[in-house]
Amino acid sequence: RTSVEDINIEGHSGFIALGTDPTLGDNLCEIGIQFNDDFIEWSVSFAEKPFPPACEVAKELTRQSIVNAK
């Protein structure tokens, strides 16, 4: 991955990883979040332009997963 950073979503910590394709740019984002005794993982990738920011999509999916699991 191009970069891996710590992230916190809705009070849950984990990581966010960005992948970059030579022709498409930043087209892949993976998020892994600790959730109680388990974890949530989302992987979002795009293969054709135009596409929204992959990490914004992955963050929103993760946020919705956490909120809807409560």
PDB file of N, CA and C in Angstrom:
ATOM      1  N   ARG A   1       0.826  -1.180   0.000  1.00  0.00           N
ATOM      2  CA  ARG A   1       0.000   0.000   0.000  1.00  0.00           C
ATOM      3  C   ARG A   1       0.874   1.248   0.000  1.00  0.00           C
ATOM      4  N   THR A   2       0.339   2.301  -0.577  1.00  0.00           N
ATOM      5  CA  THR A   2       1.061   3.563  -0.654  1.00  0.00           C
ATOM      6  C   THR A   2       1.270   4.168   0.727  1.00  0.00           C
ATOM      7  N   SER A   3       0.235   4.083   1.572  1.00  0.00           N
ATOM      8  CA  SER A   3       0.347   4.600   2.934  1.00  0.00           C
ATOM      9  C   SER A   3      -0.581   3.833   3.860  1.00  0.00           C
ATOM     10  N   VAL A   4      -0.181   3.734   5.117  1.00  0.00           N
ATOM     11  CA  VAL A   4      -1.001   3.124   6.166  1.00  0.00           C
ATOM     12  C   VAL A   4      -0.937   4.056   7.369  1.00  0.00           C
ATOM     13  N   GLU A   5      -2.103   4.405   7.894  1.00  0.00           N
ATOM     14  CA  GLU A   5      -2.169   5.325   9.030  1.00  0.00           C
ATOM     15  C   GLU A   5      -3.176   4.816  10.049  1.00  0.00           C
ATOM     16  N   ASP A   6      -3.041   5.287  11.289  1.00  0.00           N
ATOM     17  CA  ASP A   6      -4.027   5.012  12.325  1.00  0.00           C
ATOM     18  C   ASP A   6      -5.263   5.851  12.049  1.00  0.00           C
ATOM     19  N   ILE A   7      -6.424   5.314  12.461  1.00  0.00           N
ATOM     20  CA  ILE A   7      -7.679   6.045  12.273  1.00  0.00           C
ATOM     21  C   ILE A   7      -8.597   5.723  13.443  1.00  0.00           C
ATOM     22  N   ASN A   8      -9.510   6.644  13.736  1.00  0.00           N
ATOM     23  CA  ASN A   8     -10.521   6.439  14.759  1.00  0.00           C
ATOM     24  C   ASN A   8     -11.858   6.843  14.158  1.00  0.00           C
ATOM     25  N   ILE A   9     -12.816   5.925  14.185  1.00  0.00           N
ATOM     26  CA  ILE A   9     -14.146   6.195  13.648  1.00  0.00           C
ATOM     27  C   ILE A   9     -15.162   5.843  14.722  1.00  0.00           C
ATOM     28  N   GLU A  10     -15.979   6.818  15.096  1.00  0.00           N
ATOM     29  CA  GLU A  10     -17.015   6.618  16.114  1.00  0.00           C
ATOM     30  C   GLU A  10     -16.453   6.014  17.394  1.00  0.00           C
ATOM     31  N   GLY A  11     -15.231   6.408  17.771  1.00  0.00           N
ATOM     32  CA  GLY A  11     -14.627   5.932  19.009  1.00  0.00           C
ATOM     33  C   GLY A  11     -13.933   4.589  18.914  1.00  0.00           C
ATOM     34  N   HIS A  12     -13.834   4.028  17.719  1.00  0.00           N
ATOM     35  CA  HIS A  12     -13.174   2.738  17.501  1.00  0.00           C
ATOM     36  C   HIS A  12     -11.890   2.975  16.708  1.00  0.00           C
ATOM     37  N   SER A  13     -10.794   2.375  17.164  1.00  0.00           N
ATOM     38  CA  SER A  13      -9.508   2.620  16.507  1.00  0.00           C
ATOM     39  C   SER A  13      -9.152   1.493  15.552  1.00  0.00           C
ATOM     40  N   GLY A  14      -8.303   1.835  14.590  1.00  0.00           N
ATOM     41  CA  GLY A  14      -7.866   0.862  13.602  1.00  0.00           C
ATOM     42  C   GLY A  14      -6.882   1.490  12.635  1.00  0.00           C
ATOM     43  N   PHE A  15      -6.897   0.999  11.401  1.00  0.00           N
ATOM     44  CA  PHE A  15      -5.970   1.504  10.389  1.00  0.00           C
ATOM     45  C   PHE A  15      -6.715   1.832   9.107  1.00  0.00           C
ATOM     46  N   ILE A  16      -6.102   2.683   8.307  1.00  0.00           N
ATOM     47  CA  ILE A  16      -6.590   2.997   6.969  1.00  0.00           C
ATOM     48  C   ILE A  16      -5.396   2.911   6.027  1.00  0.00           C
ATOM     49  N   ALA A  17      -5.555   2.182   4.935  1.00  0.00           N
ATOM     50  CA  ALA A  17      -4.469   1.979   3.973  1.00  0.00           C
ATOM     51  C   ALA A  17      -4.929   2.454   2.595  1.00  0.00           C
ATOM     52  N   LEU A  18      -4.061   3.173   1.927  1.00  0.00           N
ATOM     53  CA  LEU A  18      -4.350   3.727   0.605  1.00  0.00           C
ATOM     54  C   LEU A  18      -3.480   3.037  -0.431  1.00  0.00           C
ATOM     55  N   GLY A  19      -4.099   2.635  -1.532  1.00  0.00           N
ATOM     56  CA  GLY A  19      -3.362   2.027  -2.633  1.00  0.00           C
ATOM     57  C   GLY A  19      -3.465   2.896  -3.871  1.00  0.00           C
ATOM     58  N   THR A  20      -2.382   2.988  -4.609  1.00  0.00           N
ATOM     59  CA  THR A  20      -2.331   3.844  -5.791  1.00  0.00           C
ATOM     60  C   THR A  20      -1.973   3.028  -7.023  1.00  0.00           C
ATOM     61  N   ASP A  21      -2.775   3.191  -8.062  1.00  0.00           N
ATOM     62  CA  ASP A  21      -2.522   2.556  -9.354  1.00  0.00           C
ATOM     63  C   ASP A  21      -1.762   3.553 -10.231  1.00  0.00           C
ATOM     64  N   PRO A  22      -0.769   3.083 -11.003  1.00  0.00           N
ATOM     65  CA  PRO A  22       0.028   4.008 -11.825  1.00  0.00           C
ATOM     66  C   PRO A  22      -0.798   4.829 -12.822  1.00  0.00           C
ATOM     67  N   THR A  23      -1.885   4.266 -13.328  1.00  0.00           N
ATOM     68  CA  THR A  23      -2.686   5.004 -14.308  1.00  0.00           C
ATOM     69  C   THR A  23      -3.943   5.632 -13.711  1.00  0.00           C
ATOM     70  N   LEU A  24      -4.500   5.026 -12.662  1.00  0.00           N
ATOM     71  CA  LEU A  24      -5.749   5.524 -12.080  1.00  0.00           C
ATOM     72  C   LEU A  24      -5.547   6.458 -10.894  1.00  0.00           C
ATOM     73  N   GLY A  25      -4.396   6.413 -10.272  1.00  0.00           N
ATOM     74  CA  GLY A  25      -4.172   7.206  -9.060  1.00  0.00           C
ATOM     75  C   GLY A  25      -4.638   6.448  -7.827  1.00  0.00           C
ATOM     76  N   ASP A  26      -5.077   7.185  -6.810  1.00  0.00           N
ATOM     77  CA  ASP A  26      -5.518   6.581  -5.546  1.00  0.00           C
ATOM     78  C   ASP A  26      -6.873   5.909  -5.747  1.00  0.00           C
ATOM     79  N   ASN A  27      -6.851   4.605  -6.008  1.00  0.00           N
ATOM     80  CA  ASN A  27      -8.082   3.897  -6.356  1.00  0.00           C
ATOM     81  C   ASN A  27      -8.473   2.804  -5.365  1.00  0.00           C
ATOM     82  N   LEU A  28      -7.686   2.615  -4.297  1.00  0.00           N
ATOM     83  CA  LEU A  28      -7.957   1.537  -3.344  1.00  0.00           C
ATOM     84  C   LEU A  28      -7.833   2.062  -1.927  1.00  0.00           C
ATOM     85  N   CYS A  29      -8.775   1.675  -1.072  1.00  0.00           N
ATOM     86  CA  CYS A  29      -8.696   2.037   0.343  1.00  0.00           C
ATOM     87  C   CYS A  29      -9.189   0.861   1.170  1.00  0.00           C
ATOM     88  N   GLU A  30      -8.428   0.524   2.197  1.00  0.00           N
ATOM     89  CA  GLU A  30      -8.811  -0.541   3.121  1.00  0.00           C
ATOM     90  C   GLU A  30      -8.839   0.027   4.529  1.00  0.00           C
ATOM     91  N   ILE A  31      -9.881  -0.325   5.271  1.00  0.00           N
ATOM     92  CA  ILE A  31     -10.009   0.098   6.664  1.00  0.00           C
ATOM     93  C   ILE A  31     -10.252  -1.135   7.516  1.00  0.00           C
ATOM     94  N   GLY A  32      -9.522  -1.237   8.603  1.00  0.00           N
ATOM     95  CA  GLY A  32      -9.736  -2.281   9.605  1.00  0.00           C
ATOM     96  C   GLY A  32      -9.951  -1.600  10.945  1.00  0.00           C
ATOM     97  N   ILE A  33     -11.065  -1.900  11.608  1.00  0.00           N
ATOM     98  CA  ILE A  33     -11.437  -1.237  12.863  1.00  0.00           C
ATOM     99  C   ILE A  33     -11.740  -2.283  13.930  1.00  0.00           C
ATOM    100  N   GLN A  34     -11.166  -2.091  15.114  1.00  0.00           N
ATOM    101  CA  GLN A  34     -11.496  -2.937  16.258  1.00  0.00           C
ATOM    102  C   GLN A  34     -12.937  -2.657  16.661  1.00  0.00           C
ATOM    103  N   PHE A  35     -13.728  -3.714  16.816  1.00  0.00           N
ATOM    104  CA  PHE A  35     -15.132  -3.556  17.189  1.00  0.00           C
ATOM    105  C   PHE A  35     -15.463  -4.600  18.237  1.00  0.00           C
ATOM    106  N   ASN A  36     -15.475  -4.163  19.503  1.00  0.00           N
ATOM    107  CA  ASN A  36     -15.663  -5.067  20.635  1.00  0.00           C
ATOM    108  C   ASN A  36     -14.611  -6.173  20.578  1.00  0.00           C
ATOM    109  N   ASP A  37     -15.026  -7.440  20.578  1.00  0.00           N
ATOM    110  CA  ASP A  37     -14.073  -8.553  20.518  1.00  0.00           C
ATOM    111  C   ASP A  37     -13.784  -8.988  19.087  1.00  0.00           C
ATOM    112  N   ASP A  38     -14.188  -8.208  18.121  1.00  0.00           N
ATOM    113  CA  ASP A  38     -14.046  -8.562  16.713  1.00  0.00           C
ATOM    114  C   ASP A  38     -13.474  -7.360  15.960  1.00  0.00           C
ATOM    115  N   PHE A  39     -13.601  -7.371  14.650  1.00  0.00           N
ATOM    116  CA  PHE A  39     -13.169  -6.228  13.860  1.00  0.00           C
ATOM    117  C   PHE A  39     -14.059  -6.098  12.634  1.00  0.00           C
ATOM    118  N   ILE A  40     -14.054  -4.903  12.073  1.00  0.00           N
ATOM    119  CA  ILE A  40     -14.764  -4.608  10.828  1.00  0.00           C
ATOM    120  C   ILE A  40     -13.705  -4.272   9.796  1.00  0.00           C
ATOM    121  N   GLU A  41     -13.857  -4.823   8.603  1.00  0.00           N
ATOM    122  CA  GLU A  41     -12.920  -4.484   7.528  1.00  0.00           C
ATOM    123  C   GLU A  41     -13.704  -4.144   6.270  1.00  0.00           C
ATOM    124  N   TRP A  42     -13.338  -3.026   5.662  1.00  0.00           N
ATOM    125  CA  TRP A  42     -13.889  -2.619   4.377  1.00  0.00           C
ATOM    126  C   TRP A  42     -12.739  -2.416   3.405  1.00  0.00           C
ATOM    127  N   SER A  43     -12.923  -2.911   2.198  1.00  0.00           N
ATOM    128  CA  SER A  43     -11.968  -2.683   1.121  1.00  0.00           C
ATOM    129  C   SER A  43     -12.750  -2.138  -0.073  1.00  0.00           C
ATOM    130  N   VAL A  44     -12.373  -0.956  -0.521  1.00  0.00           N
ATOM    131  CA  VAL A  44     -13.061  -0.295  -1.628  1.00  0.00           C
ATOM    132  C   VAL A  44     -12.040  -0.016  -2.719  1.00  0.00           C
ATOM    133  N   SER A  45     -12.350  -0.448  -3.945  1.00  0.00           N
ATOM    134  CA  SER A  45     -11.449  -0.155  -5.060  1.00  0.00           C
ATOM    135  C   SER A  45     -12.261   0.185  -6.302  1.00  0.00           C
ATOM    136  N   PHE A  46     -11.649   0.972  -7.152  1.00  0.00           N
ATOM    137  CA  PHE A  46     -12.273   1.382  -8.402  1.00  0.00           C
ATOM    138  C   PHE A  46     -11.332   1.046  -9.549  1.00  0.00           C
ATOM    139  N   ALA A  47     -11.914   0.616 -10.685  1.00  0.00           N
ATOM    140  CA  ALA A  47     -11.108   0.193 -11.826  1.00  0.00           C
ATOM    141  C   ALA A  47     -11.258   1.106 -13.033  1.00  0.00           C
ATOM    142  N   GLU A  48     -12.159   2.086 -12.932  1.00  0.00           N
ATOM    143  CA  GLU A  48     -12.418   2.943 -14.080  1.00  0.00           C
ATOM    144  C   GLU A  48     -12.766   4.352 -13.607  1.00  0.00           C
ATOM    145  N   LYS A  49     -12.187   5.344 -14.259  1.00  0.00           N
ATOM    146  CA  LYS A  49     -12.498   6.740 -13.936  1.00  0.00           C
ATOM    147  C   LYS A  49     -13.778   7.156 -14.638  1.00  0.00           C
ATOM    148  N   PRO A  50     -14.501   8.122 -14.092  1.00  0.00           N
ATOM    149  CA  PRO A  50     -14.265   8.840 -12.836  1.00  0.00           C
ATOM    150  C   PRO A  50     -14.790   8.040 -11.648  1.00  0.00           C
ATOM    151  N   PHE A  51     -14.210   8.276 -10.482  1.00  0.00           N
ATOM    152  CA  PHE A  51     -14.682   7.637  -9.256  1.00  0.00           C
ATOM    153  C   PHE A  51     -14.461   8.574  -8.073  1.00  0.00           C
ATOM    154  N   PRO A  52     -15.277   8.397  -7.020  1.00  0.00           N
ATOM    155  CA  PRO A  52     -15.117   9.244  -5.835  1.00  0.00           C
ATOM    156  C   PRO A  52     -13.873   8.828  -5.055  1.00  0.00           C
ATOM    157  N   PRO A  53     -13.427   9.639  -4.103  1.00  0.00           N
ATOM    158  CA  PRO A  53     -12.270   9.263  -3.281  1.00  0.00           C
ATOM    159  C   PRO A  53     -12.541   7.953  -2.531  1.00  0.00           C
ATOM    160  N   ALA A  54     -11.745   6.938  -2.801  1.00  0.00           N
ATOM    161  CA  ALA A  54     -11.973   5.602  -2.238  1.00  0.00           C
ATOM    162  C   ALA A  54     -11.998   5.618  -0.715  1.00  0.00           C
ATOM    163  N   CYS A  55     -11.142   6.402  -0.086  1.00  0.00           N
ATOM    164  CA  CYS A  55     -11.095   6.418   1.380  1.00  0.00           C
ATOM    165  C   CYS A  55     -12.297   7.130   1.986  1.00  0.00           C
ATOM    166  N   GLU A  56     -12.859   8.099   1.289  1.00  0.00           N
ATOM    167  CA  GLU A  56     -14.079   8.732   1.801  1.00  0.00           C
ATOM    168  C   GLU A  56     -15.230   7.728   1.774  1.00  0.00           C
ATOM    169  N   VAL A  57     -15.311   6.928   0.720  1.00  0.00           N
ATOM    170  CA  VAL A  57     -16.343   5.896   0.620  1.00  0.00           C
ATOM    171  C   VAL A  57     -16.144   4.850   1.716  1.00  0.00           C
ATOM    172  N   ALA A  58     -14.920   4.374   1.884  1.00  0.00           N
ATOM    173  CA  ALA A  58     -14.631   3.351   2.893  1.00  0.00           C
ATOM    174  C   ALA A  58     -14.902   3.865   4.304  1.00  0.00           C
ATOM    175  N   LYS A  59     -14.546   5.120   4.584  1.00  0.00           N
ATOM    176  CA  LYS A  59     -14.806   5.693   5.916  1.00  0.00           C
ATOM    177  C   LYS A  59     -16.301   5.767   6.195  1.00  0.00           C
ATOM    178  N   GLU A  60     -17.080   6.171   5.209  1.00  0.00           N
ATOM    179  CA  GLU A  60     -18.524   6.272   5.411  1.00  0.00           C
ATOM    180  C   GLU A  60     -19.153   4.888   5.589  1.00  0.00           C
ATOM    181  N   LEU A  61     -18.717   3.903   4.823  1.00  0.00           N
ATOM    182  CA  LEU A  61     -19.223   2.538   5.000  1.00  0.00           C
ATOM    183  C   LEU A  61     -18.889   2.002   6.388  1.00  0.00           C
ATOM    184  N   THR A  62     -17.686   2.280   6.854  1.00  0.00           N
ATOM    185  CA  THR A  62     -17.277   1.841   8.190  1.00  0.00           C
ATOM    186  C   THR A  62     -18.106   2.543   9.255  1.00  0.00           C
ATOM    187  N   ARG A  63     -18.287   3.842   9.110  1.00  0.00           N
ATOM    188  CA  ARG A  63     -19.082   4.602  10.075  1.00  0.00           C
ATOM    189  C   ARG A  63     -20.507   4.060  10.146  1.00  0.00           C
ATOM    190  N   GLN A  64     -21.115   3.814   8.985  1.00  0.00           N
ATOM    191  CA  GLN A  64     -22.479   3.288   8.956  1.00  0.00           C
ATOM    192  C   GLN A  64     -22.549   1.887   9.561  1.00  0.00           C
ATOM    193  N   SER A  65     -21.542   1.067   9.330  1.00  0.00           N
ATOM    194  CA  SER A  65     -21.510  -0.281   9.915  1.00  0.00           C
ATOM    195  C   SER A  65     -21.501  -0.207  11.438  1.00  0.00           C
ATOM    196  N   ILE A  66     -20.685   0.696  11.988  1.00  0.00           N
ATOM    197  CA  ILE A  66     -20.588   0.842  13.443  1.00  0.00           C
ATOM    198  C   ILE A  66     -21.902   1.368  14.014  1.00  0.00           C
ATOM    199  N   VAL A  67     -22.431   2.431  13.425  1.00  0.00           N
ATOM    200  CA  VAL A  67     -23.659   3.047  13.928  1.00  0.00           C
ATOM    201  C   VAL A  67     -24.826   2.062  13.858  1.00  0.00           C
ATOM    202  N   ASN A  68     -24.935   1.324  12.773  1.00  0.00           N
ATOM    203  CA  ASN A  68     -26.060   0.400  12.606  1.00  0.00           C
ATOM    204  C   ASN A  68     -25.908  -0.882  13.407  1.00  0.00           C
ATOM    205  N   ALA A  69     -24.714  -1.166  13.913  1.00  0.00           N
ATOM    206  CA  ALA A  69     -24.499  -2.366  14.726  1.00  0.00           C
ATOM    207  C   ALA A  69     -24.854  -2.130  16.190  1.00  0.00           C
ATOM    208  N   LYS A  70     -25.026  -0.870  16.587  1.00  0.00           N
ATOM    209  CA  LYS A  70     -25.304  -0.550  17.997  1.00  0.00           C
ATOM    210  C   LYS A  70     -26.752  -0.788  18.337  1.00  0.00           C
TER     211      LYS A  70
END
